PDB file of N, CA and C in Angstrom:
ATOM      1  N   MET A   1     -17.826  -5.095 -19.725  1.00  0.00           N
ATOM      2  CA  MET A   1     -17.745  -5.825 -18.613  1.00  0.00           C
ATOM      3  C   MET A   1     -16.316  -5.149 -18.167  1.00  0.00           C
ATOM      4  N   THR A   2     -16.231  -5.157 -16.837  1.00  0.00           N
ATOM      5  CA  THR A   2     -14.868  -4.549 -16.261  1.00  0.00           C
ATOM      6  C   THR A   2     -14.359  -5.972 -15.565  1.00  0.00           C
ATOM      7  N   VAL A   3     -12.930  -6.137 -15.756  1.00  0.00           N
ATOM      8  CA  VAL A   3     -12.340  -7.263 -15.120  1.00  0.00           C
ATOM      9  C   VAL A   3     -11.171  -6.680 -14.137  1.00  0.00           C
ATOM     10  N   ALA A   4     -10.930  -6.856 -13.088  1.00  0.00           N
ATOM     11  CA  ALA A   4     -10.356  -6.378 -12.093  1.00  0.00           C
ATOM     12  C   ALA A   4      -9.066  -7.181 -11.504  1.00  0.00           C
ATOM     13  N   LYS A   5      -7.889  -6.934 -11.293  1.00  0.00           N
ATOM     14  CA  LYS A   5      -6.921  -7.786 -10.697  1.00  0.00           C
ATOM     15  C   LYS A   5      -6.659  -7.122  -9.487  1.00  0.00           C
ATOM     16  N   VAL A   6      -5.844  -8.326  -8.333  1.00  0.00           N
ATOM     17  CA  VAL A   6      -5.767  -7.719  -6.982  1.00  0.00           C
ATOM     18  C   VAL A   6      -4.091  -7.704  -6.890  1.00  0.00           C
ATOM     19  N   LEU A   7      -3.465  -6.895  -6.477  1.00  0.00           N
ATOM     20  CA  LEU A   7      -1.919  -6.886  -6.147  1.00  0.00           C
ATOM     21  C   LEU A   7      -1.739  -6.857  -4.839  1.00  0.00           C
ATOM     22  N   GLU A   8      -0.842  -7.467  -4.139  1.00  0.00           N
ATOM     23  CA  GLU A   8      -0.338  -7.571  -2.822  1.00  0.00           C
ATOM     24  C   GLU A   8       0.883  -6.423  -2.850  1.00  0.00           C
ATOM     25  N   LEU A   9       0.888  -5.474  -1.687  1.00  0.00           N
ATOM     26  CA  LEU A   9       1.999  -4.743  -1.792  1.00  0.00           C
ATOM     27  C   LEU A   9       2.121  -4.251  -0.209  1.00  0.00           C
ATOM     28  N   SER A  10       3.590  -4.011   0.041  1.00  0.00           N
ATOM     29  CA  SER A  10       3.992  -3.616   1.108  1.00  0.00           C
ATOM     30  C   SER A  10       5.017  -2.347   1.124  1.00  0.00           C
ATOM     31  N   SER A  11       4.410  -1.181   2.099  1.00  0.00           N
ATOM     32  CA  SER A  11       4.907  -0.036   1.994  1.00  0.00           C
ATOM     33  C   SER A  11       5.538   0.621   3.139  1.00  0.00           C
ATOM     34  N   GLN A  12       6.544   1.463   3.753  1.00  0.00           N
ATOM     35  CA  GLN A  12       6.906   1.902   4.707  1.00  0.00           C
ATOM     36  C   GLN A  12       7.077   3.190   4.946  1.00  0.00           C
ATOM     37  N   SER A  13       7.402   3.877   5.963  1.00  0.00           N
ATOM     38  CA  SER A  13       7.233   5.251   6.283  1.00  0.00           C
ATOM     39  C   SER A  13       7.570   5.465   7.538  1.00  0.00           C
ATOM     40  N   PRO A  14       8.529   6.633   7.473  1.00  0.00           N
ATOM     41  CA  PRO A  14       9.057   6.729   9.259  1.00  0.00           C
ATOM     42  C   PRO A  14       7.960   7.620   9.784  1.00  0.00           C
ATOM     43  N   GLU A  15       7.091   8.046   9.101  1.00  0.00           N
ATOM     44  CA  GLU A  15       5.955   9.209   9.603  1.00  0.00           C
ATOM     45  C   GLU A  15       4.935   8.210  10.435  1.00  0.00           C
ATOM     46  N   SER A  16       4.017   7.774   9.439  1.00  0.00           N
ATOM     47  CA  SER A  16       2.775   7.298  10.069  1.00  0.00           C
ATOM     48  C   SER A  16       2.398   6.174   9.204  1.00  0.00           C
ATOM     49  N   PHE A  17       1.280   5.299   9.570  1.00  0.00           N
ATOM     50  CA  PHE A  17       0.561   4.250   8.852  1.00  0.00           C
ATOM     51  C   PHE A  17      -0.159   4.848   7.523  1.00  0.00           C
ATOM     52  N   HIS A  18      -0.838   6.244   7.760  1.00  0.00           N
ATOM     53  CA  HIS A  18      -1.501   6.841   6.659  1.00  0.00           C
ATOM     54  C   HIS A  18      -0.241   7.095   5.726  1.00  0.00           C
ATOM     55  N   ASP A  19       0.947   7.809   6.306  1.00  0.00           N
ATOM     56  CA  ASP A  19       2.101   8.141   4.971  1.00  0.00           C
ATOM     57  C   ASP A  19       2.294   6.780   4.386  1.00  0.00           C
ATOM     58  N   ALA A  20       2.667   5.756   5.105  1.00  0.00           N
ATOM     59  CA  ALA A  20       2.983   4.538   4.528  1.00  0.00           C
ATOM     60  C   ALA A  20       2.120   3.918   3.509  1.00  0.00           C
ATOM     61  N   LEU A  21       0.752   4.112   3.525  1.00  0.00           N
ATOM     62  CA  LEU A  21      -0.371   3.794   2.698  1.00  0.00           C
ATOM     63  C   LEU A  21      -0.300   4.829   1.453  1.00  0.00           C
ATOM     64  N   GLN A  22      -0.153   6.239   1.743  1.00  0.00           N
ATOM     65  CA  GLN A  22      -0.164   7.024   0.482  1.00  0.00           C
ATOM     66  C   GLN A  22       1.308   6.819  -0.293  1.00  0.00           C
ATOM     67  N   ARG A  23       2.256   6.503   0.512  1.00  0.00           N
ATOM     68  CA  ARG A  23       3.334   6.420  -0.449  1.00  0.00           C
ATOM     69  C   ARG A  23       3.186   4.979  -1.352  1.00  0.00           C
ATOM     70  N   GLY A  24       2.669   3.998  -0.767  1.00  0.00           N
ATOM     71  CA  GLY A  24       2.591   2.537  -1.711  1.00  0.00           C
ATOM     72  C   GLY A  24       1.773   2.701  -2.677  1.00  0.00           C
ATOM     73  N   ILE A  25       0.538   3.618  -2.440  1.00  0.00           N
ATOM     74  CA  ILE A  25      -0.384   3.851  -3.540  1.00  0.00           C
ATOM     75  C   ILE A  25       0.099   4.876  -4.634  1.00  0.00           C
ATOM     76  N   GLU A  26       0.707   5.670  -4.248  1.00  0.00           N
ATOM     77  CA  GLU A  26       1.470   6.553  -5.074  1.00  0.00           C
ATOM     78  C   GLU A  26       2.342   5.914  -6.070  1.00  0.00           C
ATOM     79  N   LYS A  27       3.610   5.190  -5.497  1.00  0.00           N
ATOM     80  CA  LYS A  27       4.469   4.306  -6.219  1.00  0.00           C
ATOM     81  C   LYS A  27       3.817   3.461  -7.106  1.00  0.00           C
ATOM     82  N   ALA A  28       2.950   2.779  -6.492  1.00  0.00           N
ATOM     83  CA  ALA A  28       2.186   1.708  -7.471  1.00  0.00           C
ATOM     84  C   ALA A  28       1.473   2.377  -8.684  1.00  0.00           C
ATOM     85  N   ASN A  29       0.957   3.653  -8.559  1.00  0.00           N
ATOM     86  CA  ASN A  29       0.284   4.444  -9.474  1.00  0.00           C
ATOM     87  C   ASN A  29       1.298   4.788 -10.694  1.00  0.00           C
ATOM     88  N   GLU A  30       2.649   4.558 -10.396  1.00  0.00           N
ATOM     89  CA  GLU A  30       3.722   5.206 -11.469  1.00  0.00           C
ATOM     90  C   GLU A  30       3.489   3.960 -12.620  1.00  0.00           C
ATOM     91  N   THR A  31       3.381   3.004 -12.454  1.00  0.00           N
ATOM     92  CA  THR A  31       3.153   1.778 -13.199  1.00  0.00           C
ATOM     93  C   THR A  31       1.855   1.172 -13.403  1.00  0.00           C
ATOM     94  N   ILE A  32       1.008   1.491 -12.515  1.00  0.00           N
ATOM     95  CA  ILE A  32      -0.509   0.606 -12.688  1.00  0.00           C
ATOM     96  C   ILE A  32      -1.318   1.524 -13.128  1.00  0.00           C
ATOM     97  N   GLU A  33      -2.376   1.494 -14.337  1.00  0.00           N
ATOM     98  CA  GLU A  33      -3.208   2.322 -14.473  1.00  0.00           C
ATOM     99  C   GLU A  33      -4.529   1.647 -13.798  1.00  0.00           C
ATOM    100  N   GLY A  34      -5.492   2.734 -13.488  1.00  0.00           N
ATOM    101  CA  GLY A  34      -6.782   2.160 -13.384  1.00  0.00           C
ATOM    102  C   GLY A  34      -6.976   1.542 -11.659  1.00  0.00           C
ATOM    103  N   ILE A  35      -5.980   2.155 -10.697  1.00  0.00           N
ATOM    104  CA  ILE A  35      -6.135   1.557  -9.393  1.00  0.00           C
ATOM    105  C   ILE A  35      -7.505   1.979  -8.977  1.00  0.00           C
ATOM    106  N   ARG A  36      -8.391   0.947  -8.292  1.00  0.00           N
ATOM    107  CA  ARG A  36      -9.820   1.356  -8.137  1.00  0.00           C
ATOM    108  C   ARG A  36      -9.812   1.589  -6.401  1.00  0.00           C
ATOM    109  N   SER A  37      -9.149   0.718  -5.610  1.00  0.00           N
ATOM    110  CA  SER A  37      -9.200   0.650  -4.079  1.00  0.00           C
ATOM    111  C   SER A  37      -8.271  -0.222  -3.754  1.00  0.00           C
ATOM    112  N   ALA A  38      -8.027   0.075  -2.290  1.00  0.00           N
ATOM    113  CA  ALA A  38      -7.056  -0.576  -1.699  1.00  0.00           C
ATOM    114  C   ALA A  38      -7.454  -0.915  -0.221  1.00  0.00           C
ATOM    115  N   TRP A  39      -6.992  -2.125   0.052  1.00  0.00           N
ATOM    116  CA  TRP A  39      -7.685  -2.414   1.683  1.00  0.00           C
ATOM    117  C   TRP A  39      -6.062  -2.700   2.300  1.00  0.00           C
ATOM    118  N   VAL A  40      -6.384  -2.468   3.721  1.00  0.00           N
ATOM    119  CA  VAL A  40      -4.987  -2.939   4.344  1.00  0.00           C
ATOM    120  C   VAL A  40      -5.166  -4.035   4.944  1.00  0.00           C
ATOM    121  N   GLU A  41      -4.315  -5.011   4.771  1.00  0.00           N
ATOM    122  CA  GLU A  41      -4.530  -6.330   5.252  1.00  0.00           C
ATOM    123  C   GLU A  41      -4.000  -6.592   6.596  1.00  0.00           C
ATOM    124  N   ASP A  42      -2.798  -5.810   6.804  1.00  0.00           N
ATOM    125  CA  ASP A  42      -1.876  -5.731   8.133  1.00  0.00           C
ATOM    126  C   ASP A  42      -1.324  -4.534   8.008  1.00  0.00           C
ATOM    127  N   GLN A  43      -0.923  -4.181   9.292  1.00  0.00           N
ATOM    128  CA  GLN A  43       0.254  -3.199   9.737  1.00  0.00           C
ATOM    129  C   GLN A  43       1.160  -3.541  11.038  1.00  0.00           C
ATOM    130  N   GLU A  44       2.282  -2.896  10.729  1.00  0.00           N
ATOM    131  CA  GLU A  44       3.187  -3.379  11.841  1.00  0.00           C
ATOM    132  C   GLU A  44       4.019  -1.962  12.159  1.00  0.00           C
ATOM    133  N   VAL A  45       4.625  -2.104  13.454  1.00  0.00           N
ATOM    134  CA  VAL A  45       5.709  -0.831  13.565  1.00  0.00           C
ATOM    135  C   VAL A  45       6.848  -1.550  13.490  1.00  0.00           C
ATOM    136  N   LEU A  46       8.154  -0.614  13.259  1.00  0.00           N
ATOM    137  CA  LEU A  46       9.327  -1.260  13.272  1.00  0.00           C
ATOM    138  C   LEU A  46      10.040  -0.521  14.755  1.00  0.00           C
ATOM    139  N   VAL A  47      10.766  -1.191  15.612  1.00  0.00           N
ATOM    140  CA  VAL A  47      11.140  -0.722  16.710  1.00  0.00           C
ATOM    141  C   VAL A  47      12.594  -0.867  16.908  1.00  0.00           C
ATOM    142  N   THR A  48      13.446   0.262  17.141  1.00  0.00           N
ATOM    143  CA  THR A  48      14.921   0.052  17.322  1.00  0.00           C
ATOM    144  C   THR A  48      14.862   0.852  19.001  1.00  0.00           C
ATOM    145  N   ASP A  49      15.528   0.100  20.002  1.00  0.00           N
ATOM    146  CA  ASP A  49      16.008   0.578  21.367  1.00  0.00           C
ATOM    147  C   ASP A  49      14.586   0.986  21.852  1.00  0.00           C
ATOM    148  N   GLY A  50      13.323   0.400  21.928  1.00  0.00           N
ATOM    149  CA  GLY A  50      12.152   0.726  22.434  1.00  0.00           C
ATOM    150  C   GLY A  50      11.589   1.770  21.834  1.00  0.00           C
ATOM    151  N   LYS A  51      11.855   2.403  20.740  1.00  0.00           N
ATOM    152  CA  LYS A  51      11.233   3.364  20.162  1.00  0.00           C
ATOM    153  C   LYS A  51      10.668   2.912  18.857  1.00  0.00           C
ATOM    154  N   ILE A  52       9.559   3.531  18.457  1.00  0.00           N
ATOM    155  CA  ILE A  52       9.111   3.455  16.991  1.00  0.00           C
ATOM    156  C   ILE A  52       9.703   4.164  15.896  1.00  0.00           C
ATOM    157  N   THR A  53      10.683   3.336  14.957  1.00  0.00           N
ATOM    158  CA  THR A  53      11.391   4.007  14.345  1.00  0.00           C
ATOM    159  C   THR A  53      10.744   3.825  12.527  1.00  0.00           C
ATOM    160  N   GLY A  54       9.694   3.263  12.478  1.00  0.00           N
ATOM    161  CA  GLY A  54       8.936   3.140  11.354  1.00  0.00           C
ATOM    162  C   GLY A  54       7.666   2.154  11.206  1.00  0.00           C
ATOM    163  N   TYR A  55       6.810   2.699  10.150  1.00  0.00           N
ATOM    164  CA  TYR A  55       5.169   2.096  10.264  1.00  0.00           C
ATOM    165  C   TYR A  55       5.282   1.107   8.623  1.00  0.00           C
ATOM    166  N   ARG A  56       4.867   0.060   8.712  1.00  0.00           N
ATOM    167  CA  ARG A  56       4.828  -0.737   7.642  1.00  0.00           C
ATOM    168  C   ARG A  56       3.370  -1.045   7.444  1.00  0.00           C
ATOM    169  N   VAL A  57       2.742  -1.183   6.438  1.00  0.00           N
ATOM    170  CA  VAL A  57       1.377  -1.275   5.829  1.00  0.00           C
ATOM    171  C   VAL A  57       1.420  -2.570   4.728  1.00  0.00           C
ATOM    172  N   HIS A  58       0.767  -3.339   4.787  1.00  0.00           N
ATOM    173  CA  HIS A  58       0.734  -4.833   3.969  1.00  0.00           C
ATOM    174  C   HIS A  58      -0.742  -4.188   3.525  1.00  0.00           C
ATOM    175  N   MET A  59      -0.880  -4.297   2.015  1.00  0.00           N
ATOM    176  CA  MET A  59      -2.319  -3.864   1.504  1.00  0.00           C
ATOM    177  C   MET A  59      -2.534  -4.779   0.132  1.00  0.00           C
ATOM    178  N   LYS A  60      -3.555  -4.511  -0.119  1.00  0.00           N
ATOM    179  CA  LYS A  60      -4.215  -5.130  -1.573  1.00  0.00           C
ATOM    180  C   LYS A  60      -4.594  -4.264  -2.302  1.00  0.00           C
ATOM    181  N   LEU A  61      -4.167  -3.926  -3.580  1.00  0.00           N
ATOM    182  CA  LEU A  61      -4.608  -2.767  -4.462  1.00  0.00           C
ATOM    183  C   LEU A  61      -5.319  -3.448  -5.471  1.00  0.00           C
ATOM    184  N   THR A  62      -6.658  -3.049  -5.983  1.00  0.00           N
ATOM    185  CA  THR A  62      -7.623  -3.690  -6.995  1.00  0.00           C
ATOM    186  C   THR A  62      -7.519  -2.436  -8.023  1.00  0.00           C
ATOM    187  N   PHE A  63      -7.211  -2.987  -9.296  1.00  0.00           N
ATOM    188  CA  PHE A  63      -7.300  -2.184 -10.507  1.00  0.00           C
ATOM    189  C   PHE A  63      -7.896  -2.853 -11.565  1.00  0.00           C
ATOM    190  N   ALA A  64      -8.267  -2.282 -12.504  1.00  0.00           N
ATOM    191  CA  ALA A  64      -9.080  -2.646 -13.621  1.00  0.00           C
ATOM    192  C   ALA A  64      -8.191  -3.157 -14.946  1.00  0.00           C
ATOM    193  N   LEU A  65      -8.294  -4.065 -15.274  1.00  0.00           N
ATOM    194  CA  LEU A  65      -7.434  -4.248 -16.645  1.00  0.00           C
ATOM    195  C   LEU A  65      -8.240  -3.832 -17.553  1.00  0.00           C
ATOM    196  N   LYS A  66      -7.211  -3.383 -18.562  1.00  0.00           N
ATOM    197  CA  LYS A  66      -7.481  -2.676 -19.969  1.00  0.00           C
ATOM    198  C   LYS A  66      -8.496  -3.491 -20.845  1.00  0.00           C
ATOM    199  N   GLU A  67      -9.581  -3.187 -21.274  1.00  0.00           N
ATOM    200  CA  GLU A  67     -10.632  -4.048 -22.171  1.00  0.00           C
ATOM    201  C   GLU A  67      -9.600  -4.318 -23.668  1.00  0.00           C
TER     202      GLU A  67
END
């Protein structure tokens, strides 16, 4: 039987939402084994002087616990 845990995570990128998502998953993968899925709960842009300066993604990662 597999038991999974859900972790909430926010990640940011100056490039795009996709890049923010990728950076977050890669960073989490450095310390968490068995990441199975991620879903985007929310996303937002950062604005400075009327211009988009960053992309932020709030996600939930699901990973399997060791047996």
